[in-house]
Amino acid sequence: MIQSIDRLQPLGTSVSGAFCNPAQTVRSWYVVMPSKKLKRGKIAGVEMLGRRIALWRDTEGNTHAVDAACPHLGADLSLGKVVGDDLRCPFHHWRIGIDGRCVDAPCEKRTPNRSTRAYPIKESHGLIWLYNGPRPTFALPALPSAEEHNSYFRFLIKPLHLKCHPHLAIANGLDATHFDKLHGLSFSSDPIVERIDEYRMRVSFAGRPRSQWIRWVTQTGRNDVEAQFTSFGGSIAWLTFTSPLRFHAVFTARPDANGETDTQTILYLPRGLGVKALRCAATLLCVLHADRAILNSIQFKPGFVASDSAMSDFARQINAMEVE
């Protein structure tokens, strides 16, 4: 049984709408690329969220993003040049500022009142993130304030593709019952599901692996595995293991043109623990491999039952978010 603690007013009962709907994209933070791939004074063109986006790093190293179609005739701004803080179109040299507005059109007596869409951008976890709305409605997750980045090794796992909608990839971590049935985790107590606010849900659980091999690898012969999985919007999740070893994993899910998922996983493993930390990371990756096999072949339909309360609440949370 799953204990449910709802800290907000009910979201209603409908599960139709944006949840697992490839025709709609909720406003959220989405990974664009690793930060190191965008050099100072350079431009990158990226196809994502059903549009082409031009990103550039200005001469001070700050990153900006706008829709790639120039507001003049639609030329691809990612083929242009960085001039100061601005992006210069390759076609007629119109300059686009960081807010998307045209700041100079050398062939015109007056600068036209034209603009293209600009996006909020943030760099965190070694990645460039884009918010597909005018202003972020929630913050990116970060390491707890008591913990410092220099206490961990950060690993960017090679991006993977899943043949399911991104919402399913995130909801999978809230589905506590599959930890038992698929992954062989015997719960020591009922998992607890909390809806923290309109953008975050959390499941907390503790248990012992039934597999002797996993018990040996994770050193949980006498101690429980204890963890918390928290979703942020419909595209991010943060997993914290507190026992037998404290470490973190960040999961991201971005929709592709077919409504499937491009993922990026980040691991934060504690420094100084060597083989023990690598053992836990290896176990986590084995668990993700088992999930991947299911998610790559699933033909999803919202046939939720009582034990799926966390997933159905997540679906309602998604449907309450703003969409594009």
C-alpha atoms as a PDB file:
ATOM      1  CA  MET A   1       0.000   0.000   0.000  1.00  0.00           C
ATOM      2  CA  ILE A   2       1.165   3.561  -0.729  1.00  0.00           C
ATOM      3  CA  GLN A   3       0.669   6.318   1.824  1.00  0.00           C
ATOM      4  CA  SER A   4      -0.412   9.551   0.142  1.00  0.00           C
ATOM      5  CA  ILE A   5       0.082  12.994   1.668  1.00  0.00           C
ATOM      6  CA  ASP A   6      -1.461  15.801  -0.400  1.00  0.00           C
ATOM      7  CA  ARG A   7      -0.381  19.257   0.745  1.00  0.00           C
ATOM      8  CA  LEU A   8      -2.481  21.141  -1.817  1.00  0.00           C
ATOM      9  CA  GLN A   9      -6.072  21.313  -2.918  1.00  0.00           C
ATOM     10  CA  PRO A  10      -7.187  18.455  -5.215  1.00  0.00           C
ATOM     11  CA  LEU A  11      -6.331  18.925  -8.871  1.00  0.00           C
ATOM     12  CA  GLY A  12      -9.507  17.233 -10.088  1.00  0.00           C
ATOM     13  CA  THR A  13     -10.016  13.850 -11.674  1.00  0.00           C
ATOM     14  CA  SER A  14      -9.325  14.316 -15.393  1.00  0.00           C
ATOM     15  CA  VAL A  15      -6.242  12.651 -16.862  1.00  0.00           C
ATOM     16  CA  SER A  16      -6.740  13.859 -20.435  1.00  0.00           C
ATOM     17  CA  GLY A  17      -4.970  16.929 -21.774  1.00  0.00           C
ATOM     18  CA  ALA A  18      -1.214  17.585 -21.908  1.00  0.00           C
ATOM     19  CA  PHE A  19      -0.175  14.388 -20.124  1.00  0.00           C
ATOM     20  CA  CYS A  20       1.548  12.100 -22.652  1.00  0.00           C
ATOM     21  CA  ASN A  21       0.126  14.259 -25.451  1.00  0.00           C
ATOM     22  CA  PRO A  22       2.719  14.827 -28.226  1.00  0.00           C
ATOM     23  CA  ALA A  23       0.640  17.701 -29.596  1.00  0.00           C
ATOM     24  CA  GLN A  24       1.204  19.798 -26.448  1.00  0.00           C
ATOM     25  CA  THR A  25       4.381  20.746 -24.602  1.00  0.00           C
ATOM     26  CA  VAL A  26       4.151  21.916 -21.010  1.00  0.00           C
ATOM     27  CA  ARG A  27       6.172  24.925 -19.977  1.00  0.00           C
ATOM     28  CA  SER A  28       9.192  23.560 -18.171  1.00  0.00           C
ATOM     29  CA  TRP A  29      12.980  23.474 -18.163  1.00  0.00           C
ATOM     30  CA  TYR A  30      14.514  21.344 -20.927  1.00  0.00           C
ATOM     31  CA  VAL A  31      18.136  20.365 -21.514  1.00  0.00           C
ATOM     32  CA  VAL A  32      19.639  21.864 -24.665  1.00  0.00           C
ATOM     33  CA  MET A  33      23.248  20.617 -24.609  1.00  0.00           C
ATOM     34  CA  PRO A  34      26.318  20.275 -22.379  1.00  0.00           C
ATOM     35  CA  SER A  35      27.717  23.696 -21.464  1.00  0.00           C
ATOM     36  CA  LYS A  36      31.183  22.851 -22.785  1.00  0.00           C
ATOM     37  CA  LYS A  37      29.816  22.445 -26.320  1.00  0.00           C
ATOM     38  CA  LEU A  38      29.003  26.145 -26.668  1.00  0.00           C
ATOM     39  CA  LYS A  39      32.162  28.223 -26.805  1.00  0.00           C
ATOM     40  CA  ARG A  40      32.502  31.927 -26.105  1.00  0.00           C
ATOM     41  CA  GLY A  41      31.544  34.032 -29.122  1.00  0.00           C
ATOM     42  CA  LYS A  42      30.005  31.027 -30.913  1.00  0.00           C
ATOM     43  CA  ILE A  43      26.470  30.112 -32.070  1.00  0.00           C
ATOM     44  CA  ALA A  44      24.619  26.787 -32.107  1.00  0.00           C
ATOM     45  CA  GLY A  45      21.412  25.910 -33.912  1.00  0.00           C
ATOM     46  CA  VAL A  46      19.242  23.304 -32.176  1.00  0.00           C
ATOM     47  CA  GLU A  47      16.026  21.592 -33.245  1.00  0.00           C
ATOM     48  CA  MET A  48      13.904  21.076 -30.128  1.00  0.00           C
ATOM     49  CA  LEU A  49      10.323  21.426 -28.912  1.00  0.00           C
ATOM     50  CA  GLY A  50       9.053  21.660 -32.481  1.00  0.00           C
ATOM     51  CA  ARG A  51      11.139  24.674 -33.448  1.00  0.00           C
ATOM     52  CA  ARG A  52      14.669  25.752 -34.346  1.00  0.00           C
ATOM     53  CA  ILE A  53      16.481  27.751 -31.701  1.00  0.00           C
ATOM     54  CA  ALA A  54      19.683  29.765 -31.976  1.00  0.00           C
ATOM     55  CA  LEU A  55      21.923  29.844 -28.908  1.00  0.00           C
ATOM     56  CA  TRP A  56      25.014  31.935 -28.510  1.00  0.00           C
ATOM     57  CA  ARG A  57      27.594  32.727 -25.893  1.00  0.00           C
ATOM     58  CA  ASP A  58      28.496  36.411 -25.899  1.00  0.00           C
ATOM     59  CA  THR A  59      31.981  37.838 -25.418  1.00  0.00           C
ATOM     60  CA  GLU A  60      31.503  37.786 -21.626  1.00  0.00           C
ATOM     61  CA  GLY A  61      30.601  34.106 -21.704  1.00  0.00           C
ATOM     62  CA  ASN A  62      26.870  34.536 -21.023  1.00  0.00           C
ATOM     63  CA  THR A  63      24.434  32.309 -22.922  1.00  0.00           C
ATOM     64  CA  HIS A  64      21.311  33.526 -24.751  1.00  0.00           C
ATOM     65  CA  ALA A  65      18.650  31.889 -26.908  1.00  0.00           C
ATOM     66  CA  VAL A  66      16.071  33.075 -29.461  1.00  0.00           C
ATOM     67  CA  ASP A  67      13.942  31.512 -32.163  1.00  0.00           C
ATOM     68  CA  ALA A  68      16.334  31.010 -35.061  1.00  0.00           C
ATOM     69  CA  ALA A  69      14.169  32.656 -37.747  1.00  0.00           C
ATOM     70  CA  CYS A  70      15.271  36.265 -38.244  1.00  0.00           C
ATOM     71  CA  PRO A  71      12.312  38.680 -37.827  1.00  0.00           C
ATOM     72  CA  HIS A  72      13.244  40.235 -41.195  1.00  0.00           C
ATOM     73  CA  LEU A  73      12.882  37.459 -43.795  1.00  0.00           C
ATOM     74  CA  GLY A  74      13.354  34.343 -41.688  1.00  0.00           C
ATOM     75  CA  ALA A  75      17.033  33.593 -42.335  1.00  0.00           C
ATOM     76  CA  ASP A  76      18.616  31.144 -39.898  1.00  0.00           C
ATOM     77  CA  LEU A  77      20.258  33.227 -37.180  1.00  0.00           C
ATOM     78  CA  SER A  78      22.414  30.289 -36.108  1.00  0.00           C
ATOM     79  CA  LEU A  79      24.408  30.850 -39.328  1.00  0.00           C
ATOM     80  CA  GLY A  80      25.221  34.398 -38.256  1.00  0.00           C
ATOM     81  CA  LYS A  81      27.888  35.929 -36.054  1.00  0.00           C
ATOM     82  CA  VAL A  82      28.168  37.100 -32.453  1.00  0.00           C
ATOM     83  CA  VAL A  83      28.803  40.851 -32.243  1.00  0.00           C
ATOM     84  CA  GLY A  84      29.252  41.977 -28.633  1.00  0.00           C
ATOM     85  CA  ASP A  85      26.171  40.688 -26.818  1.00  0.00           C
ATOM     86  CA  ASP A  86      24.110  40.540 -30.018  1.00  0.00           C
ATOM     87  CA  LEU A  87      23.467  38.003 -32.745  1.00  0.00           C
ATOM     88  CA  ARG A  88      23.996  39.281 -36.286  1.00  0.00           C
ATOM     89  CA  CYS A  89      21.908  37.747 -39.067  1.00  0.00           C
ATOM     90  CA  PRO A  90      24.004  36.364 -41.953  1.00  0.00           C
ATOM     91  CA  PHE A  91      21.586  37.657 -44.626  1.00  0.00           C
ATOM     92  CA  HIS A  92      21.235  41.443 -44.173  1.00  0.00           C
ATOM     93  CA  HIS A  93      23.232  41.877 -40.946  1.00  0.00           C
ATOM     94  CA  TRP A  94      20.285  42.777 -38.752  1.00  0.00           C
ATOM     95  CA  ARG A  95      21.419  42.551 -35.140  1.00  0.00           C
ATOM     96  CA  ILE A  96      19.222  40.807 -32.599  1.00  0.00           C
ATOM     97  CA  GLY A  97      19.639  41.614 -28.918  1.00  0.00           C
ATOM     98  CA  ILE A  98      19.427  39.204 -26.016  1.00  0.00           C
ATOM     99  CA  ASP A  99      15.723  40.058 -25.576  1.00  0.00           C
ATOM    100  CA  GLY A 100      15.016  39.071 -29.200  1.00  0.00           C
ATOM    101  CA  ARG A 101      14.515  42.646 -30.423  1.00  0.00           C
ATOM    102  CA  CYS A 102      16.202  44.046 -33.508  1.00  0.00           C
ATOM    103  CA  VAL A 103      18.734  46.645 -32.309  1.00  0.00           C
ATOM    104  CA  ASP A 104      20.269  47.537 -35.668  1.00  0.00           C
ATOM    105  CA  ALA A 105      19.359  47.192 -39.354  1.00  0.00           C
ATOM    106  CA  PRO A 106      22.191  48.735 -41.386  1.00  0.00           C
ATOM    107  CA  CYS A 107      20.204  48.954 -44.630  1.00  0.00           C
ATOM    108  CA  GLU A 108      17.361  50.948 -43.018  1.00  0.00           C
ATOM    109  CA  LYS A 109      17.172  54.604 -41.996  1.00  0.00           C
ATOM    110  CA  ARG A 110      15.294  53.586 -38.861  1.00  0.00           C
ATOM    111  CA  THR A 111      15.668  50.380 -36.937  1.00  0.00           C
ATOM    112  CA  PRO A 112      12.470  48.374 -37.557  1.00  0.00           C
ATOM    113  CA  ASN A 113      10.313  47.489 -34.574  1.00  0.00           C
ATOM    114  CA  ARG A 114      10.785  43.749 -35.068  1.00  0.00           C
ATOM    115  CA  SER A 115      11.555  40.952 -32.662  1.00  0.00           C
ATOM    116  CA  THR A 116      11.824  37.196 -32.348  1.00  0.00           C
ATOM    117  CA  ARG A 117      11.082  35.106 -29.299  1.00  0.00           C
ATOM    118  CA  ALA A 118      13.749  35.021 -26.578  1.00  0.00           C
ATOM    119  CA  TYR A 119      13.972  32.259 -23.969  1.00  0.00           C
ATOM    120  CA  PRO A 120      15.084  32.132 -20.337  1.00  0.00           C
ATOM    121  CA  ILE A 121      18.385  30.234 -20.164  1.00  0.00           C
ATOM    122  CA  LYS A 122      20.242  28.775 -17.198  1.00  0.00           C
ATOM    123  CA  GLU A 123      23.441  26.782 -16.887  1.00  0.00           C
ATOM    124  CA  SER A 124      23.484  24.147 -14.187  1.00  0.00           C
ATOM    125  CA  HIS A 125      24.797  20.599 -13.667  1.00  0.00           C
ATOM    126  CA  GLY A 126      27.203  21.107 -16.579  1.00  0.00           C
ATOM    127  CA  LEU A 127      24.257  21.651 -18.955  1.00  0.00           C
ATOM    128  CA  ILE A 128      22.480  24.492 -20.741  1.00  0.00           C
ATOM    129  CA  TRP A 129      18.760  24.554 -19.916  1.00  0.00           C
ATOM    130  CA  LEU A 130      15.971  26.413 -21.733  1.00  0.00           C
ATOM    131  CA  TYR A 131      12.559  27.349 -20.346  1.00  0.00           C
ATOM    132  CA  ASN A 132       9.861  27.411 -23.040  1.00  0.00           C
ATOM    133  CA  GLY A 133       7.829  30.247 -21.600  1.00  0.00           C
ATOM    134  CA  PRO A 134       8.207  33.983 -20.937  1.00  0.00           C
ATOM    135  CA  ARG A 135       9.469  33.436 -17.384  1.00  0.00           C
ATOM    136  CA  PRO A 136      10.224  30.345 -15.290  1.00  0.00           C
ATOM    137  CA  THR A 137       7.467  29.198 -12.940  1.00  0.00           C
ATOM    138  CA  PHE A 138       9.763  26.967 -10.905  1.00  0.00           C
ATOM    139  CA  ALA A 139      13.478  26.695 -10.224  1.00  0.00           C
ATOM    140  CA  LEU A 140      15.836  24.013 -11.415  1.00  0.00           C
ATOM    141  CA  PRO A 141      16.712  21.484  -8.706  1.00  0.00           C
ATOM    142  CA  ALA A 142      20.119  21.795  -7.095  1.00  0.00           C
ATOM    143  CA  LEU A 143      22.271  20.052  -4.525  1.00  0.00           C
ATOM    144  CA  PRO A 144      21.077  20.710  -0.954  1.00  0.00           C
ATOM    145  CA  SER A 145      22.600  23.868   0.491  1.00  0.00           C
ATOM    146  CA  ALA A 146      24.497  21.850   3.102  1.00  0.00           C
ATOM    147  CA  GLU A 147      26.302  19.941   0.367  1.00  0.00           C
ATOM    148  CA  GLU A 148      28.921  21.415  -1.930  1.00  0.00           C
ATOM    149  CA  HIS A 149      29.673  20.503  -5.525  1.00  0.00           C
ATOM    150  CA  ASN A 150      33.274  19.839  -4.581  1.00  0.00           C
ATOM    151  CA  SER A 151      32.039  17.009  -2.322  1.00  0.00           C
ATOM    152  CA  TYR A 152      30.936  15.043  -5.392  1.00  0.00           C
ATOM    153  CA  PHE A 153      32.153  13.832  -8.724  1.00  0.00           C
ATOM    154  CA  ARG A 154      29.683  14.805 -11.423  1.00  0.00           C
ATOM    155  CA  PHE A 155      29.159  12.411 -14.314  1.00  0.00           C
ATOM    156  CA  LEU A 156      27.098  13.195 -17.406  1.00  0.00           C
ATOM    157  CA  ILE A 157      25.828   9.843 -18.619  1.00  0.00           C
ATOM    158  CA  LYS A 158      25.677   9.395 -22.386  1.00  0.00           C
ATOM    159  CA  PRO A 159      22.256  10.622 -23.620  1.00  0.00           C
ATOM    160  CA  LEU A 160      19.736   7.898 -24.409  1.00  0.00           C
ATOM    161  CA  HIS A 161      16.552   7.737 -26.441  1.00  0.00           C
ATOM    162  CA  LEU A 162      13.338   6.184 -25.132  1.00  0.00           C
ATOM    163  CA  LYS A 163      10.410   5.186 -27.334  1.00  0.00           C
ATOM    164  CA  CYS A 164       7.840   6.642 -24.963  1.00  0.00           C
ATOM    165  CA  HIS A 165       6.566  10.085 -24.033  1.00  0.00           C
ATOM    166  CA  PRO A 166       8.773  12.088 -21.602  1.00  0.00           C
ATOM    167  CA  HIS A 167       5.989  12.194 -19.012  1.00  0.00           C
ATOM    168  CA  LEU A 168       6.129   8.410 -18.737  1.00  0.00           C
ATOM    169  CA  ALA A 169       9.893   8.505 -18.291  1.00  0.00           C
ATOM    170  CA  ILE A 170       9.489  10.826 -15.289  1.00  0.00           C
ATOM    171  CA  ALA A 171       6.335   9.180 -13.911  1.00  0.00           C
ATOM    172  CA  ASN A 172       8.167   5.864 -13.858  1.00  0.00           C
ATOM    173  CA  GLY A 173      10.103   7.012 -10.787  1.00  0.00           C
ATOM    174  CA  LEU A 174       6.868   7.821  -8.938  1.00  0.00           C
ATOM    175  CA  ASP A 175       5.483   4.344  -9.613  1.00  0.00           C
ATOM    176  CA  ALA A 176       6.565   2.723  -6.350  1.00  0.00           C
ATOM    177  CA  THR A 177       4.785  -0.588  -7.005  1.00  0.00           C
ATOM    178  CA  HIS A 178       7.122  -1.420  -9.903  1.00  0.00           C
ATOM    179  CA  PHE A 179      10.132  -1.163  -7.555  1.00  0.00           C
ATOM    180  CA  ASP A 180       8.772  -4.322  -5.951  1.00  0.00           C
ATOM    181  CA  LYS A 181       7.513  -6.215  -8.997  1.00  0.00           C
ATOM    182  CA  LEU A 182      10.112  -5.291 -11.621  1.00  0.00           C
ATOM    183  CA  HIS A 183      13.184  -4.517  -9.523  1.00  0.00           C
ATOM    184  CA  GLY A 184      12.689  -6.944  -6.655  1.00  0.00           C
ATOM    185  CA  LEU A 185      12.712  -4.455  -3.769  1.00  0.00           C
ATOM    186  CA  SER A 186      10.865  -5.675  -0.662  1.00  0.00           C
ATOM    187  CA  PHE A 187       9.582  -2.583   1.144  1.00  0.00           C
ATOM    188  CA  SER A 188      10.301  -2.251   4.851  1.00  0.00           C
ATOM    189  CA  SER A 189       7.340   0.119   5.171  1.00  0.00           C
ATOM    190  CA  ASP A 190       4.752   1.582   2.853  1.00  0.00           C
ATOM    191  CA  PRO A 191       6.176   4.119   0.358  1.00  0.00           C
ATOM    192  CA  ILE A 192       5.042   7.686   1.028  1.00  0.00           C
ATOM    193  CA  VAL A 193       3.881   9.930  -1.822  1.00  0.00           C
ATOM    194  CA  GLU A 194       3.697  13.704  -1.301  1.00  0.00           C
ATOM    195  CA  ARG A 195       2.506  16.435  -3.625  1.00  0.00           C
ATOM    196  CA  ILE A 196       4.771  19.265  -2.503  1.00  0.00           C
ATOM    197  CA  ASP A 197       3.393  22.028  -4.730  1.00  0.00           C
ATOM    198  CA  GLU A 198       1.880  22.461  -8.194  1.00  0.00           C
ATOM    199  CA  TYR A 199       5.170  21.464  -9.867  1.00  0.00           C
ATOM    200  CA  ARG A 200       6.693  18.856  -7.538  1.00  0.00           C
ATOM    201  CA  MET A 201       5.791  15.373  -6.349  1.00  0.00           C
ATOM    202  CA  ARG A 202       7.886  13.052  -4.191  1.00  0.00           C
ATOM    203  CA  VAL A 203       7.925   9.375  -3.312  1.00  0.00           C
ATOM    204  CA  SER A 204      10.015   8.162  -0.358  1.00  0.00           C
ATOM    205  CA  PHE A 205      10.743   4.483   0.136  1.00  0.00           C
ATOM    206  CA  ALA A 206      12.938   2.005   2.007  1.00  0.00           C
ATOM    207  CA  GLY A 207      13.502  -1.688   1.436  1.00  0.00           C
ATOM    208  CA  ARG A 208      15.843  -4.604   0.811  1.00  0.00           C
ATOM    209  CA  PRO A 209      16.725  -6.048  -2.599  1.00  0.00           C
ATOM    210  CA  ARG A 210      15.653  -9.679  -2.926  1.00  0.00           C
ATOM    211  CA  SER A 211      18.550 -10.347  -5.286  1.00  0.00           C
ATOM    212  CA  GLN A 212      21.596 -11.686  -3.424  1.00  0.00           C
ATOM    213  CA  TRP A 213      23.866 -10.170  -6.061  1.00  0.00           C
ATOM    214  CA  ILE A 214      22.362  -6.675  -5.676  1.00  0.00           C
ATOM    215  CA  ARG A 215      22.592  -6.992  -1.882  1.00  0.00           C
ATOM    216  CA  TRP A 216      26.295  -7.747  -2.222  1.00  0.00           C
ATOM    217  CA  VAL A 217      26.947  -4.945  -4.715  1.00  0.00           C
ATOM    218  CA  THR A 218      25.038  -2.328  -2.687  1.00  0.00           C
ATOM    219  CA  GLN A 219      26.121  -3.718   0.689  1.00  0.00           C
ATOM    220  CA  THR A 220      22.538  -3.855   1.918  1.00  0.00           C
ATOM    221  CA  GLY A 221      22.666  -7.239   3.615  1.00  0.00           C
ATOM    222  CA  ARG A 222      21.853  -5.595   6.959  1.00  0.00           C
ATOM    223  CA  ASN A 223      20.663  -2.141   5.936  1.00  0.00           C
ATOM    224  CA  ASP A 224      17.779  -0.889   3.838  1.00  0.00           C
ATOM    225  CA  VAL A 225      18.064   0.970   0.600  1.00  0.00           C
ATOM    226  CA  GLU A 226      16.511   4.363   1.400  1.00  0.00           C
ATOM    227  CA  ALA A 227      15.731   6.936  -1.278  1.00  0.00           C
ATOM    228  CA  GLN A 228      13.548   9.848  -2.351  1.00  0.00           C
ATOM    229  CA  PHE A 229      12.451  10.537  -5.923  1.00  0.00           C
ATOM    230  CA  THR A 230      11.140  14.048  -6.675  1.00  0.00           C
ATOM    231  CA  SER A 231       9.632  15.204  -9.970  1.00  0.00           C
ATOM    232  CA  PHE A 232       9.946  18.816 -11.157  1.00  0.00           C
ATOM    233  CA  GLY A 233       7.373  19.785 -13.776  1.00  0.00           C
ATOM    234  CA  GLY A 234       7.074  17.137 -16.444  1.00  0.00           C
ATOM    235  CA  SER A 235      10.683  16.937 -17.572  1.00  0.00           C
ATOM    236  CA  ILE A 236      13.021  16.635 -14.571  1.00  0.00           C
ATOM    237  CA  ALA A 237      13.436  14.335 -11.580  1.00  0.00           C
ATOM    238  CA  TRP A 238      15.904  14.238  -8.705  1.00  0.00           C
ATOM    239  CA  LEU A 239      16.740  10.958  -6.979  1.00  0.00           C
ATOM    240  CA  THR A 240      18.578  10.970  -3.661  1.00  0.00           C
ATOM    241  CA  PHE A 241      19.804   7.780  -2.041  1.00  0.00           C
ATOM    242  CA  THR A 242      20.397   8.247   1.690  1.00  0.00           C
ATOM    243  CA  SER A 243      21.372   4.654   2.542  1.00  0.00           C
ATOM    244  CA  PRO A 244      23.596   2.681   2.269  1.00  0.00           C
ATOM    245  CA  LEU A 245      25.428   5.566   0.590  1.00  0.00           C
ATOM    246  CA  ARG A 246      24.303   9.127  -0.006  1.00  0.00           C
ATOM    247  CA  PHE A 247      24.433  10.099  -3.671  1.00  0.00           C
ATOM    248  CA  HIS A 248      22.244  11.854  -6.223  1.00  0.00           C
ATOM    249  CA  ALA A 249      20.974  11.322  -9.744  1.00  0.00           C
ATOM    250  CA  VAL A 250      19.222  13.871 -11.957  1.00  0.00           C
ATOM    251  CA  PHE A 251      16.997  12.639 -14.789  1.00  0.00           C
ATOM    252  CA  THR A 252      15.868  14.841 -17.666  1.00  0.00           C
ATOM    253  CA  ALA A 253      13.376  14.059 -20.419  1.00  0.00           C
ATOM    254  CA  ARG A 254      12.889  16.177 -23.558  1.00  0.00           C
ATOM    255  CA  PRO A 255      10.286  15.399 -26.243  1.00  0.00           C
ATOM    256  CA  ASP A 256      11.522  14.845 -29.783  1.00  0.00           C
ATOM    257  CA  ALA A 257       9.625  15.475 -33.024  1.00  0.00           C
ATOM    258  CA  ASN A 258       7.850  12.105 -32.726  1.00  0.00           C
ATOM    259  CA  GLY A 259       6.686  12.568 -29.149  1.00  0.00           C
ATOM    260  CA  GLU A 260       9.382  10.225 -27.835  1.00  0.00           C
ATOM    261  CA  THR A 261      12.094  11.045 -25.311  1.00  0.00           C
ATOM    262  CA  ASP A 262      15.668  12.243 -25.384  1.00  0.00           C
ATOM    263  CA  THR A 263      17.151  11.722 -21.930  1.00  0.00           C
ATOM    264  CA  GLN A 264      20.165  13.055 -20.080  1.00  0.00           C
ATOM    265  CA  THR A 265      21.154  11.629 -16.699  1.00  0.00           C
ATOM    266  CA  ILE A 266      23.584  13.271 -14.271  1.00  0.00           C
ATOM    267  CA  LEU A 267      25.186  11.397 -11.369  1.00  0.00           C
ATOM    268  CA  TYR A 268      26.671  13.007  -8.269  1.00  0.00           C
ATOM    269  CA  LEU A 269      28.880  10.435  -6.547  1.00  0.00           C
ATOM    270  CA  PRO A 270      30.703  11.246  -3.286  1.00  0.00           C
ATOM    271  CA  ARG A 271      34.427  11.796  -3.497  1.00  0.00           C
ATOM    272  CA  GLY A 272      36.746   9.519  -1.597  1.00  0.00           C
ATOM    273  CA  LEU A 273      34.574   6.398  -1.522  1.00  0.00           C
ATOM    274  CA  GLY A 274      36.039   4.778  -4.625  1.00  0.00           C
ATOM    275  CA  VAL A 275      34.702   1.304  -5.398  1.00  0.00           C
ATOM    276  CA  LYS A 276      31.713   1.617  -3.077  1.00  0.00           C
ATOM    277  CA  ALA A 277      30.401   4.655  -4.973  1.00  0.00           C
ATOM    278  CA  LEU A 278      30.961   2.945  -8.319  1.00  0.00           C
ATOM    279  CA  ARG A 279      29.071  -0.127  -7.075  1.00  0.00           C
ATOM    280  CA  CYS A 280      26.019   1.965  -6.258  1.00  0.00           C
ATOM    281  CA  ALA A 281      26.207   3.770  -9.596  1.00  0.00           C
ATOM    282  CA  ALA A 282      26.447   0.462 -11.445  1.00  0.00           C
ATOM    283  CA  THR A 283      23.378  -0.847  -9.619  1.00  0.00           C
ATOM    284  CA  LEU A 284      21.396   2.273 -10.507  1.00  0.00           C
ATOM    285  CA  LEU A 285      22.349   1.925 -14.180  1.00  0.00           C
ATOM    286  CA  CYS A 286      21.233  -1.732 -14.127  1.00  0.00           C
ATOM    287  CA  VAL A 287      17.864  -0.633 -12.732  1.00  0.00           C
ATOM    288  CA  LEU A 288      17.538   1.998 -15.464  1.00  0.00           C
ATOM    289  CA  HIS A 289      18.333  -0.635 -18.084  1.00  0.00           C
ATOM    290  CA  ALA A 290      15.420  -2.771 -16.878  1.00  0.00           C
ATOM    291  CA  ASP A 291      13.106   0.259 -17.000  1.00  0.00           C
ATOM    292  CA  ARG A 292      14.318   1.130 -20.477  1.00  0.00           C
ATOM    293  CA  ALA A 293      13.255  -2.248 -21.865  1.00  0.00           C
ATOM    294  CA  ILE A 294       9.702  -1.643 -20.583  1.00  0.00           C
ATOM    295  CA  LEU A 295       9.454   1.998 -21.674  1.00  0.00           C
ATOM    296  CA  ASN A 296      10.782   1.241 -25.169  1.00  0.00           C
ATOM    297  CA  SER A 297       7.947  -1.178 -25.860  1.00  0.00           C
ATOM    298  CA  ILE A 298       5.061   0.254 -23.845  1.00  0.00           C
ATOM    299  CA  GLN A 299       1.781   1.111 -25.597  1.00  0.00           C
ATOM    300  CA  PHE A 300       0.558   3.491 -22.944  1.00  0.00           C
ATOM    301  CA  LYS A 301      -3.056   4.104 -22.066  1.00  0.00           C
ATOM    302  CA  PRO A 302      -4.210   5.770 -18.818  1.00  0.00           C
ATOM    303  CA  GLY A 303      -5.783   2.646 -17.359  1.00  0.00           C
ATOM    304  CA  PHE A 304      -4.986   3.731 -13.819  1.00  0.00           C
ATOM    305  CA  VAL A 305      -6.152   1.683 -10.809  1.00  0.00           C
ATOM    306  CA  ALA A 306      -5.966   2.404  -7.071  1.00  0.00           C
ATOM    307  CA  SER A 307      -2.286   1.426  -6.751  1.00  0.00           C
ATOM    308  CA  ASP A 308      -1.427   3.932  -9.527  1.00  0.00           C
ATOM    309  CA  SER A 309      -2.507   6.928  -7.436  1.00  0.00           C
ATOM    310  CA  ALA A 310       0.928   8.593  -7.646  1.00  0.00           C
ATOM    311  CA  MET A 311       1.012   8.337 -11.445  1.00  0.00           C
ATOM    312  CA  SER A 312      -2.579   9.556 -11.860  1.00  0.00           C
ATOM    313  CA  ASP A 313      -1.872  12.510  -9.527  1.00  0.00           C
ATOM    314  CA  PHE A 314       1.219  13.286 -11.603  1.00  0.00           C
ATOM    315  CA  ALA A 315      -0.930  13.234 -14.755  1.00  0.00           C
ATOM    316  CA  ARG A 316      -3.364  15.702 -13.191  1.00  0.00           C
ATOM    317  CA  GLN A 317      -0.461  17.890 -12.122  1.00  0.00           C
ATOM    318  CA  ILE A 318       0.838  17.954 -15.698  1.00  0.00           C
ATOM    319  CA  ASN A 319      -2.616  18.823 -17.024  1.00  0.00           C
ATOM    320  CA  ALA A 320      -2.779  21.817 -14.693  1.00  0.00           C
ATOM    321  CA  MET A 321       0.440  23.308 -16.121  1.00  0.00           C
ATOM    322  CA  GLU A 322       0.596  25.891 -18.895  1.00  0.00           C
ATOM    323  CA  VAL A 323       1.225  24.464 -22.356  1.00  0.00           C
ATOM    324  CA  GLU A 324       2.580  25.592 -25.714  1.00  0.00           C
END
